[in-house]
PDB file of N, CA and C in Angstrom:
ATOM      1  N   UNK A   1     -60.970  55.731 147.597  1.00  0.00           N
ATOM      2  CA  UNK A   1     -60.090  54.592 147.062  1.00  0.00           C
ATOM      3  C   UNK A   1     -58.776  55.249 146.897  1.00  0.00           C
ATOM      4  N   UNK A   2     -58.360  56.629 147.203  1.00  0.00           N
ATOM      5  CA  UNK A   2     -57.012  56.764 146.988  1.00  0.00           C
ATOM      6  C   UNK A   2     -56.061  56.745 147.889  1.00  0.00           C
ATOM      7  N   UNK A   3     -56.420  56.432 149.259  1.00  0.00           N
ATOM      8  CA  UNK A   3     -55.483  56.201 150.182  1.00  0.00           C
ATOM      9  C   UNK A   3     -55.205  54.444 150.608  1.00  0.00           C
ATOM     10  N   UNK A   4     -55.940  53.669 150.327  1.00  0.00           N
ATOM     11  CA  UNK A   4     -55.868  52.434 150.498  1.00  0.00           C
ATOM     12  C   UNK A   4     -55.524  51.432 149.372  1.00  0.00           C
ATOM     13  N   UNK A   5     -55.698  50.125 149.624  1.00  0.00           N
ATOM     14  CA  UNK A   5     -55.305  49.403 148.556  1.00  0.00           C
ATOM     15  C   UNK A   5     -55.938  47.754 148.936  1.00  0.00           C
ATOM     16  N   UNK A   6     -55.866  46.950 147.814  1.00  0.00           N
ATOM     17  CA  UNK A   6     -56.283  45.826 147.744  1.00  0.00           C
ATOM     18  C   UNK A   6     -54.944  44.742 147.984  1.00  0.00           C
ATOM     19  N   UNK A   7     -55.138  43.819 148.930  1.00  0.00           N
ATOM     20  CA  UNK A   7     -54.007  42.691 148.970  1.00  0.00           C
ATOM     21  C   UNK A   7     -54.867  41.424 148.124  1.00  0.00           C
ATOM     22  N   UNK A   8     -54.274  40.778 147.291  1.00  0.00           N
ATOM     23  CA  UNK A   8     -54.926  39.938 146.426  1.00  0.00           C
ATOM     24  C   UNK A   8     -54.142  38.786 146.350  1.00  0.00           C
ATOM     25  N   UNK A   9     -54.821  37.467 146.119  1.00  0.00           N
ATOM     26  CA  UNK A   9     -54.104  36.351 145.644  1.00  0.00           C
ATOM     27  C   UNK A   9     -54.997  35.747 144.545  1.00  0.00           C
ATOM     28  N   UNK A  10     -54.182  35.463 143.510  1.00  0.00           N
ATOM     29  CA  UNK A  10     -54.701  34.467 142.280  1.00  0.00           C
ATOM     30  C   UNK A  10     -53.994  33.218 142.492  1.00  0.00           C
ATOM     31  N   UNK A  11     -54.923  32.047 141.776  1.00  0.00           N
ATOM     32  CA  UNK A  11     -54.139  30.467 141.728  1.00  0.00           C
ATOM     33  C   UNK A  11     -54.125  30.765 140.123  1.00  0.00           C
ATOM     34  N   UNK A  12     -52.516  30.411 139.795  1.00  0.00           N
ATOM     35  CA  UNK A  12     -52.348  30.374 138.543  1.00  0.00           C
ATOM     36  C   UNK A  12     -52.546  28.859 137.820  1.00  0.00           C
ATOM     37  N   UNK A  13     -52.571  28.789 136.476  1.00  0.00           N
ATOM     38  CA  UNK A  13     -53.041  27.628 135.814  1.00  0.00           C
ATOM     39  C   UNK A  13     -52.165  26.381 136.286  1.00  0.00           C
ATOM     40  N   UNK A  14     -50.941  26.696 136.437  1.00  0.00           N
ATOM     41  CA  UNK A  14     -49.925  25.831 136.989  1.00  0.00           C
ATOM     42  C   UNK A  14     -49.945  25.268 138.623  1.00  0.00           C
ATOM     43  N   UNK A  15     -51.112  26.145 139.180  1.00  0.00           N
ATOM     44  CA  UNK A  15     -51.327  25.655 140.623  1.00  0.00           C
ATOM     45  C   UNK A  15     -50.620  26.436 141.734  1.00  0.00           C
ATOM     46  N   UNK A  16     -49.602  27.331 141.045  1.00  0.00           N
ATOM     47  CA  UNK A  16     -48.989  28.516 141.792  1.00  0.00           C
ATOM     48  C   UNK A  16     -49.858  29.393 142.504  1.00  0.00           C
ATOM     49  N   UNK A  17     -49.101  30.199 143.343  1.00  0.00           N
ATOM     50  CA  UNK A  17     -49.866  31.369 143.390  1.00  0.00           C
ATOM     51  C   UNK A  17     -49.067  32.742 143.286  1.00  0.00           C
ATOM     52  N   UNK A  18     -49.937  33.577 142.877  1.00  0.00           N
ATOM     53  CA  UNK A  18     -49.299  34.966 142.921  1.00  0.00           C
ATOM     54  C   UNK A  18     -49.931  35.925 144.046  1.00  0.00           C
ATOM     55  N   UNK A  19     -49.282  36.644 144.575  1.00  0.00           N
ATOM     56  CA  UNK A  19     -49.617  37.525 145.624  1.00  0.00           C
ATOM     57  C   UNK A  19     -49.354  39.091 145.409  1.00  0.00           C
ATOM     58  N   UNK A  20     -50.243  39.794 145.249  1.00  0.00           N
ATOM     59  CA  UNK A  20     -50.008  40.967 144.774  1.00  0.00           C
ATOM     60  C   UNK A  20     -51.170  42.421 145.593  1.00  0.00           C
ATOM     61  N   UNK A  21     -50.530  43.631 145.566  1.00  0.00           N
ATOM     62  CA  UNK A  21     -51.517  44.514 145.950  1.00  0.00           C
ATOM     63  C   UNK A  21     -51.746  45.415 144.956  1.00  0.00           C
ATOM     64  N   UNK A  22     -52.740  46.371 144.924  1.00  0.00           N
ATOM     65  CA  UNK A  22     -53.089  47.326 143.823  1.00  0.00           C
ATOM     66  C   UNK A  22     -53.996  48.357 144.495  1.00  0.00           C
ATOM     67  N   UNK A  23     -53.989  49.359 144.072  1.00  0.00           N
ATOM     68  CA  UNK A  23     -54.681  50.797 144.504  1.00  0.00           C
ATOM     69  C   UNK A  23     -55.823  51.193 143.439  1.00  0.00           C
ATOM     70  N   UNK A  24     -55.736  50.394 142.311  1.00  0.00           N
ATOM     71  CA  UNK A  24     -56.928  50.413 141.379  1.00  0.00           C
ATOM     72  C   UNK A  24     -57.961  49.644 141.981  1.00  0.00           C
ATOM     73  N   UNK A  25     -59.254  49.830 141.133  1.00  0.00           N
ATOM     74  CA  UNK A  25     -60.296  48.897 141.566  1.00  0.00           C
ATOM     75  C   UNK A  25     -59.621  47.022 141.102  1.00  0.00           C
ATOM     76  N   UNK A  26     -59.960  46.637 142.162  1.00  0.00           N
ATOM     77  CA  UNK A  26     -59.908  44.975 141.994  1.00  0.00           C
ATOM     78  C   UNK A  26     -59.869  44.447 140.978  1.00  0.00           C
ATOM     79  N   UNK A  27     -60.965  44.673 140.197  1.00  0.00           N
ATOM     80  CA  UNK A  27     -61.872  44.179 139.250  1.00  0.00           C
ATOM     81  C   UNK A  27     -60.813  44.093 137.952  1.00  0.00           C
ATOM     82  N   UNK A  28     -60.401  45.615 137.784  1.00  0.00           N
ATOM     83  CA  UNK A  28     -59.600  45.945 136.933  1.00  0.00           C
ATOM     84  C   UNK A  28     -58.274  45.294 136.878  1.00  0.00           C
ATOM     85  N   UNK A  29     -57.393  45.046 137.969  1.00  0.00           N
ATOM     86  CA  UNK A  29     -56.434  44.339 137.846  1.00  0.00           C
ATOM     87  C   UNK A  29     -56.388  42.806 137.507  1.00  0.00           C
ATOM     88  N   UNK A  30     -57.433  42.306 138.320  1.00  0.00           N
ATOM     89  CA  UNK A  30     -57.862  40.855 137.798  1.00  0.00           C
ATOM     90  C   UNK A  30     -58.075  40.446 136.369  1.00  0.00           C
ATOM     91  N   UNK A  31     -58.662  41.541 135.846  1.00  0.00           N
ATOM     92  CA  UNK A  31     -59.004  41.440 134.405  1.00  0.00           C
ATOM     93  C   UNK A  31     -57.719  41.461 133.708  1.00  0.00           C
ATOM     94  N   UNK A  32     -56.969  42.480 134.028  1.00  0.00           N
ATOM     95  CA  UNK A  32     -55.445  42.625 133.581  1.00  0.00           C
ATOM     96  C   UNK A  32     -54.841  41.244 133.671  1.00  0.00           C
ATOM     97  N   UNK A  33     -54.543  40.685 134.877  1.00  0.00           N
ATOM     98  CA  UNK A  33     -54.016  39.532 135.000  1.00  0.00           C
ATOM     99  C   UNK A  33     -54.709  38.485 134.043  1.00  0.00           C
ATOM    100  N   UNK A  34     -55.978  38.311 134.121  1.00  0.00           N
ATOM    101  CA  UNK A  34     -56.803  37.240 133.246  1.00  0.00           C
ATOM    102  C   UNK A  34     -56.586  37.322 131.729  1.00  0.00           C
ATOM    103  N   UNK A  35     -56.233  38.538 131.131  1.00  0.00           N
ATOM    104  CA  UNK A  35     -55.878  38.907 129.970  1.00  0.00           C
ATOM    105  C   UNK A  35     -54.514  38.806 129.394  1.00  0.00           C
ATOM    106  N   UNK A  36     -53.788  38.673 130.493  1.00  0.00           N
ATOM    107  CA  UNK A  36     -52.204  38.430 130.116  1.00  0.00           C
ATOM    108  C   UNK A  36     -51.471  39.768 129.857  1.00  0.00           C
ATOM    109  N   UNK A  37     -52.498  41.000 130.318  1.00  0.00           N
ATOM    110  CA  UNK A  37     -51.712  42.395 129.723  1.00  0.00           C
ATOM    111  C   UNK A  37     -50.963  42.878 131.029  1.00  0.00           C
ATOM    112  N   UNK A  38     -50.919  42.184 132.072  1.00  0.00           N
ATOM    113  CA  UNK A  38     -50.270  42.614 133.344  1.00  0.00           C
ATOM    114  C   UNK A  38     -48.954  41.778 133.148  1.00  0.00           C
ATOM    115  N   UNK A  39     -47.667  42.604 132.718  1.00  0.00           N
ATOM    116  CA  UNK A  39     -46.380  41.753 132.488  1.00  0.00           C
ATOM    117  C   UNK A  39     -46.066  40.889 134.043  1.00  0.00           C
ATOM    118  N   UNK A  40     -45.334  40.071 133.829  1.00  0.00           N
ATOM    119  CA  UNK A  40     -44.815  39.496 134.927  1.00  0.00           C
ATOM    120  C   UNK A  40     -45.157  38.042 134.892  1.00  0.00           C
ATOM    121  N   UNK A  41     -45.228  37.659 136.280  1.00  0.00           N
ATOM    122  CA  UNK A  41     -45.333  35.967 136.464  1.00  0.00           C
ATOM    123  C   UNK A  41     -46.403  35.568 136.138  1.00  0.00           C
ATOM    124  N   UNK A  42     -47.648  36.122 136.065  1.00  0.00           N
ATOM    125  CA  UNK A  42     -48.936  35.616 135.745  1.00  0.00           C
ATOM    126  C   UNK A  42     -49.182  35.344 134.178  1.00  0.00           C
ATOM    127  N   UNK A  43     -48.546  36.145 133.733  1.00  0.00           N
ATOM    128  CA  UNK A  43     -48.857  36.352 132.192  1.00  0.00           C
ATOM    129  C   UNK A  43     -48.539  35.261 131.315  1.00  0.00           C
ATOM    130  N   UNK A  44     -47.518  34.245 131.910  1.00  0.00           N
ATOM    131  CA  UNK A  44     -47.110  32.926 131.168  1.00  0.00           C
ATOM    132  C   UNK A  44     -47.827  31.740 132.225  1.00  0.00           C
ATOM    133  N   UNK A  45     -48.876  32.070 132.755  1.00  0.00           N
ATOM    134  CA  UNK A  45     -49.271  31.105 133.735  1.00  0.00           C
ATOM    135  C   UNK A  45     -50.799  31.427 133.595  1.00  0.00           C
ATOM    136  N   UNK A  46     -51.633  31.405 132.535  1.00  0.00           N
ATOM    137  CA  UNK A  46     -52.620  31.706 132.176  1.00  0.00           C
ATOM    138  C   UNK A  46     -53.495  30.380 132.515  1.00  0.00           C
ATOM    139  N   UNK A  47     -54.953  30.407 132.636  1.00  0.00           N
ATOM    140  CA  UNK A  47     -55.666  31.070 133.374  1.00  0.00           C
ATOM    141  C   UNK A  47     -55.238  31.543 134.902  1.00  0.00           C
ATOM    142  N   UNK A  48     -56.006  32.860 135.246  1.00  0.00           N
ATOM    143  CA  UNK A  48     -55.805  32.896 136.456  1.00  0.00           C
ATOM    144  C   UNK A  48     -56.981  32.992 137.363  1.00  0.00           C
ATOM    145  N   UNK A  49     -57.275  32.452 138.668  1.00  0.00           N
ATOM    146  CA  UNK A  49     -58.218  32.689 139.318  1.00  0.00           C
ATOM    147  C   UNK A  49     -58.031  33.400 140.712  1.00  0.00           C
ATOM    148  N   UNK A  50     -59.136  34.259 141.008  1.00  0.00           N
ATOM    149  CA  UNK A  50     -58.778  34.990 141.969  1.00  0.00           C
ATOM    150  C   UNK A  50     -59.269  34.480 143.090  1.00  0.00           C
ATOM    151  N   UNK A  51     -58.664  33.985 144.564  1.00  0.00           N
ATOM    152  CA  UNK A  51     -58.988  33.036 145.178  1.00  0.00           C
ATOM    153  C   UNK A  51     -58.862  33.800 146.866  1.00  0.00           C
ATOM    154  N   UNK A  52     -58.301  35.194 146.954  1.00  0.00           N
ATOM    155  CA  UNK A  52     -58.374  35.907 148.207  1.00  0.00           C
ATOM    156  C   UNK A  52     -58.270  37.274 147.843  1.00  0.00           C
ATOM    157  N   UNK A  53     -59.006  38.184 148.397  1.00  0.00           N
ATOM    158  CA  UNK A  53     -58.944  39.691 148.572  1.00  0.00           C
ATOM    159  C   UNK A  53     -59.205  40.088 149.720  1.00  0.00           C
ATOM    160  N   UNK A  54     -58.090  41.374 150.340  1.00  0.00           N
ATOM    161  CA  UNK A  54     -58.716  41.969 151.413  1.00  0.00           C
ATOM    162  C   UNK A  54     -58.441  43.439 151.073  1.00  0.00           C
ATOM    163  N   UNK A  55     -59.303  44.426 151.398  1.00  0.00           N
ATOM    164  CA  UNK A  55     -59.109  45.964 151.246  1.00  0.00           C
ATOM    165  C   UNK A  55     -58.145  46.287 152.516  1.00  0.00           C
ATOM    166  N   UNK A  56     -57.344  47.059 152.471  1.00  0.00           N
ATOM    167  CA  UNK A  56     -56.881  48.151 153.599  1.00  0.00           C
ATOM    168  C   UNK A  56     -56.685  49.349 153.426  1.00  0.00           C
ATOM    169  N   UNK A  57     -57.374  50.301 154.453  1.00  0.00           N
ATOM    170  CA  UNK A  57     -57.293  51.254 154.437  1.00  0.00           C
ATOM    171  C   UNK A  57     -56.198  52.096 154.062  1.00  0.00           C
ATOM    172  N   UNK A  58     -54.886  51.556 154.422  1.00  0.00           N
ATOM    173  CA  UNK A  58     -53.611  52.223 154.177  1.00  0.00           C
ATOM    174  C   UNK A  58     -52.853  51.289 153.373  1.00  0.00           C
ATOM    175  N   UNK A  59     -52.234  52.080 152.368  1.00  0.00           N
ATOM    176  CA  UNK A  59     -51.498  51.158 151.254  1.00  0.00           C
ATOM    177  C   UNK A  59     -50.309  50.329 151.994  1.00  0.00           C
ATOM    178  N   UNK A  60     -49.798  51.070 152.891  1.00  0.00           N
ATOM    179  CA  UNK A  60     -48.660  50.521 153.465  1.00  0.00           C
ATOM    180  C   UNK A  60     -48.827  49.130 154.341  1.00  0.00           C
ATOM    181  N   UNK A  61     -49.954  49.141 154.933  1.00  0.00           N
ATOM    182  CA  UNK A  61     -50.729  47.822 155.322  1.00  0.00           C
ATOM    183  C   UNK A  61     -50.735  46.722 154.525  1.00  0.00           C
ATOM    184  N   UNK A  62     -51.417  46.992 153.471  1.00  0.00           N
ATOM    185  CA  UNK A  62     -51.325  46.147 152.028  1.00  0.00           C
ATOM    186  C   UNK A  62     -50.069  45.439 151.835  1.00  0.00           C
ATOM    187  N   UNK A  63     -49.295  46.452 151.364  1.00  0.00           N
ATOM    188  CA  UNK A  63     -47.929  45.859 151.317  1.00  0.00           C
ATOM    189  C   UNK A  63     -46.898  45.183 152.137  1.00  0.00           C
ATOM    190  N   UNK A  64     -47.472  45.505 153.623  1.00  0.00           N
ATOM    191  CA  UNK A  64     -46.856  44.969 154.762  1.00  0.00           C
ATOM    192  C   UNK A  64     -47.280  43.178 154.607  1.00  0.00           C
ATOM    193  N   UNK A  65     -48.588  43.204 154.421  1.00  0.00           N
ATOM    194  CA  UNK A  65     -49.143  41.789 154.482  1.00  0.00           C
ATOM    195  C   UNK A  65     -48.751  41.159 153.235  1.00  0.00           C
ATOM    196  N   UNK A  66     -48.643  41.694 152.206  1.00  0.00           N
ATOM    197  CA  UNK A  66     -48.036  41.167 150.986  1.00  0.00           C
ATOM    198  C   UNK A  66     -46.873  40.411 151.120  1.00  0.00           C
ATOM    199  N   UNK A  67     -45.848  41.244 151.806  1.00  0.00           N
ATOM    200  CA  UNK A  67     -44.418  40.695 152.023  1.00  0.00           C
ATOM    201  C   UNK A  67     -44.422  39.568 152.906  1.00  0.00           C
ATOM    202  N   UNK A  68     -45.224  39.507 153.989  1.00  0.00           N
ATOM    203  CA  UNK A  68     -45.406  38.267 154.797  1.00  0.00           C
ATOM    204  C   UNK A  68     -45.876  37.150 154.213  1.00  0.00           C
ATOM    205  N   UNK A  69     -46.976  37.531 153.383  1.00  0.00           N
ATOM    206  CA  UNK A  69     -47.475  36.138 152.849  1.00  0.00           C
ATOM    207  C   UNK A  69     -46.535  35.687 151.638  1.00  0.00           C
ATOM    208  N   UNK A  70     -45.998  36.413 151.070  1.00  0.00           N
ATOM    209  CA  UNK A  70     -44.839  36.047 150.388  1.00  0.00           C
ATOM    210  C   UNK A  70     -43.963  35.042 150.754  1.00  0.00           C
ATOM    211  N   UNK A  71     -43.670  35.127 152.051  1.00  0.00           N
ATOM    212  CA  UNK A  71     -42.547  34.510 152.557  1.00  0.00           C
ATOM    213  C   UNK A  71     -42.959  33.047 153.339  1.00  0.00           C
ATOM    214  N   UNK A  72     -44.693  33.012 153.247  1.00  0.00           N
ATOM    215  CA  UNK A  72     -45.144  31.856 153.744  1.00  0.00           C
ATOM    216  C   UNK A  72     -44.771  30.431 152.873  1.00  0.00           C
ATOM    217  N   UNK A  73     -44.813  29.530 153.515  1.00  0.00           N
ATOM    218  CA  UNK A  73     -45.073  27.934 152.821  1.00  0.00           C
ATOM    219  C   UNK A  73     -46.346  27.902 151.915  1.00  0.00           C
ATOM    220  N   UNK A  74     -46.523  27.146 151.142  1.00  0.00           N
ATOM    221  CA  UNK A  74     -47.575  26.776 150.467  1.00  0.00           C
ATOM    222  C   UNK A  74     -48.627  26.079 151.015  1.00  0.00           C
ATOM    223  N   UNK A  75     -48.541  25.340 152.089  1.00  0.00           N
ATOM    224  CA  UNK A  75     -49.313  25.028 153.039  1.00  0.00           C
ATOM    225  C   UNK A  75     -50.018  26.042 153.877  1.00  0.00           C
ATOM    226  N   UNK A  76     -49.226  27.076 154.319  1.00  0.00           N
ATOM    227  CA  UNK A  76     -49.860  28.190 155.013  1.00  0.00           C
ATOM    228  C   UNK A  76     -50.499  28.958 154.112  1.00  0.00           C
ATOM    229  N   UNK A  77     -50.038  29.298 153.080  1.00  0.00           N
ATOM    230  CA  UNK A  77     -50.984  29.943 152.128  1.00  0.00           C
ATOM    231  C   UNK A  77     -52.169  29.554 151.694  1.00  0.00           C
ATOM    232  N   UNK A  78     -52.450  28.075 151.634  1.00  0.00           N
ATOM    233  CA  UNK A  78     -53.331  27.369 151.213  1.00  0.00           C
ATOM    234  C   UNK A  78     -54.565  27.200 152.608  1.00  0.00           C
ATOM    235  N   UNK A  79     -53.863  27.254 153.910  1.00  0.00           N
ATOM    236  CA  UNK A  79     -54.721  27.430 154.989  1.00  0.00           C
ATOM    237  C   UNK A  79     -55.291  28.689 155.121  1.00  0.00           C
ATOM    238  N   UNK A  80     -54.674  29.991 154.778  1.00  0.00           N
ATOM    239  CA  UNK A  80     -54.952  31.082 154.862  1.00  0.00           C
ATOM    240  C   UNK A  80     -56.334  31.294 153.850  1.00  0.00           C
ATOM    241  N   UNK A  81     -56.013  31.066 152.558  1.00  0.00           N
ATOM    242  CA  UNK A  81     -57.071  31.331 151.653  1.00  0.00           C
ATOM    243  C   UNK A  81     -58.394  30.628 152.126  1.00  0.00           C
ATOM    244  N   UNK A  82     -58.273  29.343 152.951  1.00  0.00           N
ATOM    245  CA  UNK A  82     -59.687  28.385 153.163  1.00  0.00           C
ATOM    246  C   UNK A  82     -59.913  29.210 154.411  1.00  0.00           C
ATOM    247  N   UNK A  83     -59.373  29.993 155.019  1.00  0.00           N
ATOM    248  CA  UNK A  83     -59.996  30.336 156.441  1.00  0.00           C
ATOM    249  C   UNK A  83     -59.742  29.369 157.435  1.00  0.00           C
ATOM    250  N   UNK A  84     -59.044  28.263 157.189  1.00  0.00           N
ATOM    251  CA  UNK A  84     -58.355  27.432 158.124  1.00  0.00           C
ATOM    252  C   UNK A  84     -57.579  27.929 159.235  1.00  0.00           C
ATOM    253  N   UNK A  85     -58.036  28.743 160.210  1.00  0.00           N
ATOM    254  CA  UNK A  85     -57.308  29.446 161.073  1.00  0.00           C
ATOM    255  C   UNK A  85     -56.350  28.635 161.990  1.00  0.00           C
ATOM    256  N   UNK A  86     -57.081  27.042 162.189  1.00  0.00           N
ATOM    257  CA  UNK A  86     -56.685  26.259 163.145  1.00  0.00           C
ATOM    258  C   UNK A  86     -55.651  25.722 162.602  1.00  0.00           C
ATOM    259  N   UNK A  87     -55.421  25.229 161.166  1.00  0.00           N
ATOM    260  CA  UNK A  87     -54.250  24.774 160.694  1.00  0.00           C
ATOM    261  C   UNK A  87     -53.109  25.854 160.439  1.00  0.00           C
ATOM    262  N   UNK A  88     -53.639  27.119 160.270  1.00  0.00           N
ATOM    263  CA  UNK A  88     -52.422  28.142 160.119  1.00  0.00           C
ATOM    264  C   UNK A  88     -51.962  28.403 161.307  1.00  0.00           C
ATOM    265  N   UNK A  89     -52.493  28.283 162.336  1.00  0.00           N
ATOM    266  CA  UNK A  89     -51.785  28.314 163.793  1.00  0.00           C
ATOM    267  C   UNK A  89     -50.942  27.103 163.868  1.00  0.00           C
ATOM    268  N   UNK A  90     -51.509  26.016 163.548  1.00  0.00           N
ATOM    269  CA  UNK A  90     -50.556  24.923 163.575  1.00  0.00           C
ATOM    270  C   UNK A  90     -49.050  25.020 162.745  1.00  0.00           C
ATOM    271  N   UNK A  91     -49.360  25.402 161.537  1.00  0.00           N
ATOM    272  CA  UNK A  91     -48.471  25.535 160.582  1.00  0.00           C
ATOM    273  C   UNK A  91     -47.310  26.509 160.801  1.00  0.00           C
ATOM    274  N   UNK A  92     -47.832  27.495 161.636  1.00  0.00           N
ATOM    275  CA  UNK A  92     -47.206  28.729 162.240  1.00  0.00           C
ATOM    276  C   UNK A  92     -46.270  28.517 163.365  1.00  0.00           C
ATOM    277  N   UNK A  93     -46.682  27.194 163.950  1.00  0.00           N
ATOM    278  CA  UNK A  93     -45.665  27.009 165.334  1.00  0.00           C
ATOM    279  C   UNK A  93     -44.424  26.883 164.928  1.00  0.00           C
ATOM    280  N   UNK A  94     -43.149  27.628 165.529  1.00  0.00           N
ATOM    281  CA  UNK A  94     -42.135  27.652 165.249  1.00  0.00           C
ATOM    282  C   UNK A  94     -41.483  26.314 165.840  1.00  0.00           C
ATOM    283  N   UNK A  95     -40.816  25.663 164.989  1.00  0.00           N
ATOM    284  CA  UNK A  95     -40.385  24.411 165.164  1.00  0.00           C
ATOM    285  C   UNK A  95     -38.889  24.204 165.382  1.00  0.00           C
ATOM    286  N   UNK A  96     -38.260  23.706 166.667  1.00  0.00           N
ATOM    287  CA  UNK A  96     -36.998  24.123 167.423  1.00  0.00           C
ATOM    288  C   UNK A  96     -36.071  23.609 166.061  1.00  0.00           C
ATOM    289  N   UNK A  97     -34.829  24.226 165.887  1.00  0.00           N
ATOM    290  CA  UNK A  97     -33.932  23.814 164.952  1.00  0.00           C
ATOM    291  C   UNK A  97     -32.917  23.046 165.446  1.00  0.00           C
ATOM    292  N   UNK A  98     -32.876  22.764 166.772  1.00  0.00           N
ATOM    293  CA  UNK A  98     -31.999  22.239 167.819  1.00  0.00           C
ATOM    294  C   UNK A  98     -32.862  21.408 168.484  1.00  0.00           C
ATOM    295  N   UNK A  99     -32.410  19.861 168.519  1.00  0.00           N
ATOM    296  CA  UNK A  99     -32.998  18.980 169.694  1.00  0.00           C
ATOM    297  C   UNK A  99     -32.736  19.353 170.864  1.00  0.00           C
ATOM    298  N   UNK A 100     -33.841  19.123 171.915  1.00  0.00           N
ATOM    299  CA  UNK A 100     -33.546  19.846 173.391  1.00  0.00           C
ATOM    300  C   UNK A 100     -32.338  18.947 173.995  1.00  0.00           C
ATOM    301  N   UNK A 101     -31.632  19.791 174.632  1.00  0.00           N
ATOM    302  CA  UNK A 101     -30.356  19.260 175.535  1.00  0.00           C
ATOM    303  C   UNK A 101     -30.840  18.103 176.624  1.00  0.00           C
ATOM    304  N   UNK A 102     -30.211  16.838 176.604  1.00  0.00           N
ATOM    305  CA  UNK A 102     -30.549  16.235 177.716  1.00  0.00           C
ATOM    306  C   UNK A 102     -30.418  16.942 178.995  1.00  0.00           C
ATOM    307  N   UNK A 103     -31.273  16.341 180.054  1.00  0.00           N
ATOM    308  CA  UNK A 103     -31.094  17.104 181.195  1.00  0.00           C
ATOM    309  C   UNK A 103     -29.988  16.294 182.068  1.00  0.00           C
ATOM    310  N   UNK A 104     -28.963  16.759 182.625  1.00  0.00           N
ATOM    311  CA  UNK A 104     -28.333  16.293 183.741  1.00  0.00           C
ATOM    312  C   UNK A 104     -28.896  15.539 184.603  1.00  0.00           C
ATOM    313  N   UNK A 105     -28.029  14.467 185.203  1.00  0.00           N
ATOM    314  CA  UNK A 105     -28.291  13.905 186.052  1.00  0.00           C
ATOM    315  C   UNK A 105     -27.658  13.931 187.076  1.00  0.00           C
TER     316      UNK A 105
END
């Protein structure tokens, strides 16, 4: 397990999500979050519950995916956690920032 890393998502007591990566055993990292010994976001939002995890053979891939997920809307994160890929695709559809131009007659 020296080359890769876990990507994980925990749901905090306030309903927010924390997304992280770890090269250590996932069980150890989650235990640190639950005990409040992992400083940062989750230690003031206990208890936390693991809602998603995925192993990546390369730590760089785990970090890349962590960064992408952190930019997503809450709705997209929830669809991802549920494994609802239909909703995820719909939520990911780009919406036009400008209305379409009227066609000239």
